[in-house]
Amino acid sequence: MIFHLTEPARWQQSLAEGLHTGSTRGVELAQEGYIHCSTAEQWPGVVERFYADATELLLLHVDESQLDAPLVYEQLGDAPESFPHVYGPIPITAVVQAERIR
């Protein structure tokens, strides 16, 4: 299982479209080239670093075996560890839970 953080409004858009293409906060897959994800151990730190001011936030639980696009663990820039990146849209069927964490 990998995890992806998104805003409820962005998730509603994805449900309507049938695919999730939000890469990270305010950035789309088409702009970034991949969708930012985290492991179970990583997502709490991502919330602290990048979403501390978010009043509404969902944690998408993504079954990586249901992805159509490549999943690559990469260490980019000055990141202390590698993170999972999905190089394509996430099918709605791959999201097994959308958990409200805020």
C-alpha atoms as a PDB file:
ATOM      1  CA  MET A   1       0.000   0.000   0.000  1.00  0.00           C
ATOM      2  CA  ILE A   2       1.176   3.495  -0.846  1.00  0.00           C
ATOM      3  CA  PHE A   3      -0.451   6.745   0.230  1.00  0.00           C
ATOM      4  CA  HIS A   4      -1.295  10.028  -1.447  1.00  0.00           C
ATOM      5  CA  LEU A   5      -2.451  13.288   0.163  1.00  0.00           C
ATOM      6  CA  THR A   6      -5.067  15.444  -1.510  1.00  0.00           C
ATOM      7  CA  GLU A   7      -7.769  17.973  -0.794  1.00  0.00           C
ATOM      8  CA  PRO A   8     -11.410  16.799  -0.692  1.00  0.00           C
ATOM      9  CA  ALA A   9     -12.400  19.061  -3.615  1.00  0.00           C
ATOM     10  CA  ARG A  10      -9.605  17.632  -5.774  1.00  0.00           C
ATOM     11  CA  TRP A  11     -10.695  14.082  -4.890  1.00  0.00           C
ATOM     12  CA  GLN A  12     -14.289  14.884  -5.860  1.00  0.00           C
ATOM     13  CA  GLN A  13     -13.011  16.056  -9.254  1.00  0.00           C
ATOM     14  CA  SER A  14     -11.115  12.773  -9.629  1.00  0.00           C
ATOM     15  CA  LEU A  15     -14.209  10.740  -8.774  1.00  0.00           C
ATOM     16  CA  ALA A  16     -16.121  12.566 -11.499  1.00  0.00           C
ATOM     17  CA  GLU A  17     -13.305  11.999 -14.023  1.00  0.00           C
ATOM     18  CA  GLY A  18     -12.623   8.362 -13.077  1.00  0.00           C
ATOM     19  CA  LEU A  19      -8.890   8.954 -12.598  1.00  0.00           C
ATOM     20  CA  HIS A  20      -6.791  10.868 -10.088  1.00  0.00           C
ATOM     21  CA  THR A  21      -4.259  13.188 -11.734  1.00  0.00           C
ATOM     22  CA  GLY A  22      -3.450  15.533  -8.874  1.00  0.00           C
ATOM     23  CA  SER A  23       0.298  15.310  -8.279  1.00  0.00           C
ATOM     24  CA  THR A  24       0.666  17.389  -5.162  1.00  0.00           C
ATOM     25  CA  ARG A  25      -0.906  20.458  -3.655  1.00  0.00           C
ATOM     26  CA  GLY A  26      -1.999  22.696  -6.538  1.00  0.00           C
ATOM     27  CA  VAL A  27       0.072  20.786  -9.102  1.00  0.00           C
ATOM     28  CA  GLU A  28      -1.225  18.315 -11.679  1.00  0.00           C
ATOM     29  CA  LEU A  29       0.369  15.214 -13.179  1.00  0.00           C
ATOM     30  CA  ALA A  30       0.716  16.981 -16.536  1.00  0.00           C
ATOM     31  CA  GLN A  31       2.861  19.657 -14.879  1.00  0.00           C
ATOM     32  CA  GLU A  32       4.989  17.468 -12.568  1.00  0.00           C
ATOM     33  CA  GLY A  33       5.288  14.294 -14.648  1.00  0.00           C
ATOM     34  CA  TYR A  34       4.364  11.996 -11.756  1.00  0.00           C
ATOM     35  CA  ILE A  35       2.094  11.799  -8.714  1.00  0.00           C
ATOM     36  CA  HIS A  36       3.753  12.211  -5.328  1.00  0.00           C
ATOM     37  CA  CYS A  37       3.060   9.360  -2.900  1.00  0.00           C
ATOM     38  CA  SER A  38       4.430   8.136   0.427  1.00  0.00           C
ATOM     39  CA  THR A  39       4.880   4.962   2.396  1.00  0.00           C
ATOM     40  CA  ALA A  40       3.005   4.335   5.645  1.00  0.00           C
ATOM     41  CA  GLU A  41       6.025   5.621   7.555  1.00  0.00           C
ATOM     42  CA  GLN A  42       6.516   8.714   5.392  1.00  0.00           C
ATOM     43  CA  TRP A  43       3.079  10.319   5.063  1.00  0.00           C
ATOM     44  CA  PRO A  44       2.882  11.835   8.592  1.00  0.00           C
ATOM     45  CA  GLY A  45       6.116  13.757   7.925  1.00  0.00           C
ATOM     46  CA  VAL A  46       4.808  14.916   4.553  1.00  0.00           C
ATOM     47  CA  VAL A  47       1.700  16.270   6.279  1.00  0.00           C
ATOM     48  CA  GLU A  48       3.892  18.206   8.727  1.00  0.00           C
ATOM     49  CA  ARG A  49       6.215  19.604   6.050  1.00  0.00           C
ATOM     50  CA  PHE A  50       3.826  20.410   3.206  1.00  0.00           C
ATOM     51  CA  TYR A  51       0.253  20.425   4.526  1.00  0.00           C
ATOM     52  CA  ALA A  52       0.562  21.946   8.006  1.00  0.00           C
ATOM     53  CA  ASP A  53      -1.796  24.784   7.108  1.00  0.00           C
ATOM     54  CA  ALA A  54      -4.370  22.604   5.286  1.00  0.00           C
ATOM     55  CA  THR A  55      -7.731  22.672   7.022  1.00  0.00           C
ATOM     56  CA  GLU A  56      -9.166  19.772   4.995  1.00  0.00           C
ATOM     57  CA  LEU A  57      -7.083  16.813   3.901  1.00  0.00           C
ATOM     58  CA  LEU A  58      -7.619  13.272   2.660  1.00  0.00           C
ATOM     59  CA  LEU A  59      -5.200  10.369   2.790  1.00  0.00           C
ATOM     60  CA  LEU A  60      -5.760   8.086  -0.179  1.00  0.00           C
ATOM     61  CA  HIS A  61      -4.804   4.461   0.425  1.00  0.00           C
ATOM     62  CA  VAL A  62      -3.600   3.194  -2.956  1.00  0.00           C
ATOM     63  CA  ASP A  63      -3.184  -0.503  -3.788  1.00  0.00           C
ATOM     64  CA  GLU A  64      -0.093  -0.388  -5.969  1.00  0.00           C
ATOM     65  CA  SER A  65      -0.975  -3.742  -7.568  1.00  0.00           C
ATOM     66  CA  GLN A  66      -3.956  -1.962  -9.183  1.00  0.00           C
ATOM     67  CA  LEU A  67      -1.892   0.757 -10.870  1.00  0.00           C
ATOM     68  CA  ASP A  68      -1.634   0.893 -14.653  1.00  0.00           C
ATOM     69  CA  ALA A  69       1.281   3.347 -14.613  1.00  0.00           C
ATOM     70  CA  PRO A  70       4.850   2.674 -13.443  1.00  0.00           C
ATOM     71  CA  LEU A  71       5.578   3.076  -9.730  1.00  0.00           C
ATOM     72  CA  VAL A  72       9.144   4.223  -9.096  1.00  0.00           C
ATOM     73  CA  TYR A  73      10.841   4.818  -5.731  1.00  0.00           C
ATOM     74  CA  GLU A  74      13.104   7.818  -6.179  1.00  0.00           C
ATOM     75  CA  GLN A  75      15.257  10.045  -4.041  1.00  0.00           C
ATOM     76  CA  LEU A  76      15.042  13.503  -5.556  1.00  0.00           C
ATOM     77  CA  GLY A  77      16.854  16.693  -4.644  1.00  0.00           C
ATOM     78  CA  ASP A  78      17.814  16.852  -0.995  1.00  0.00           C
ATOM     79  CA  ALA A  79      15.146  14.382   0.145  1.00  0.00           C
ATOM     80  CA  PRO A  80      16.517  12.185   2.939  1.00  0.00           C
ATOM     81  CA  GLU A  81      14.984   9.009   1.451  1.00  0.00           C
ATOM     82  CA  SER A  82      13.286   7.660  -1.643  1.00  0.00           C
ATOM     83  CA  PHE A  83       9.565   8.227  -2.128  1.00  0.00           C
ATOM     84  CA  PRO A  84       7.102   6.368  -4.368  1.00  0.00           C
ATOM     85  CA  HIS A  85       6.120   8.252  -7.519  1.00  0.00           C
ATOM     86  CA  VAL A  86       3.372   7.118  -9.891  1.00  0.00           C
ATOM     87  CA  TYR A  87       4.216   8.001 -13.499  1.00  0.00           C
ATOM     88  CA  GLY A  88       0.649   8.257 -14.725  1.00  0.00           C
ATOM     89  CA  PRO A  89      -2.895   8.646 -13.453  1.00  0.00           C
ATOM     90  CA  ILE A  90      -4.147   6.654 -10.472  1.00  0.00           C
ATOM     91  CA  PRO A  91      -7.315   4.703 -11.337  1.00  0.00           C
ATOM     92  CA  ILE A  92     -10.145   5.306  -8.878  1.00  0.00           C
ATOM     93  CA  THR A  93     -10.374   1.516  -8.458  1.00  0.00           C
ATOM     94  CA  ALA A  94      -6.812   1.483  -7.058  1.00  0.00           C
ATOM     95  CA  VAL A  95      -7.875   3.731  -4.160  1.00  0.00           C
ATOM     96  CA  VAL A  96      -9.144   1.335  -1.491  1.00  0.00           C
ATOM     97  CA  GLN A  97      -9.846   4.052   1.073  1.00  0.00           C
ATOM     98  CA  ALA A  98     -10.110   7.842   1.156  1.00  0.00           C
ATOM     99  CA  GLU A  99      -9.486   8.687   4.806  1.00  0.00           C
ATOM    100  CA  ARG A 100     -10.247  12.158   6.119  1.00  0.00           C
ATOM    101  CA  ILE A 101      -7.322  13.137   8.343  1.00  0.00           C
ATOM    102  CA  ARG A 102      -8.404  16.780   8.743  1.00  0.00           C
END
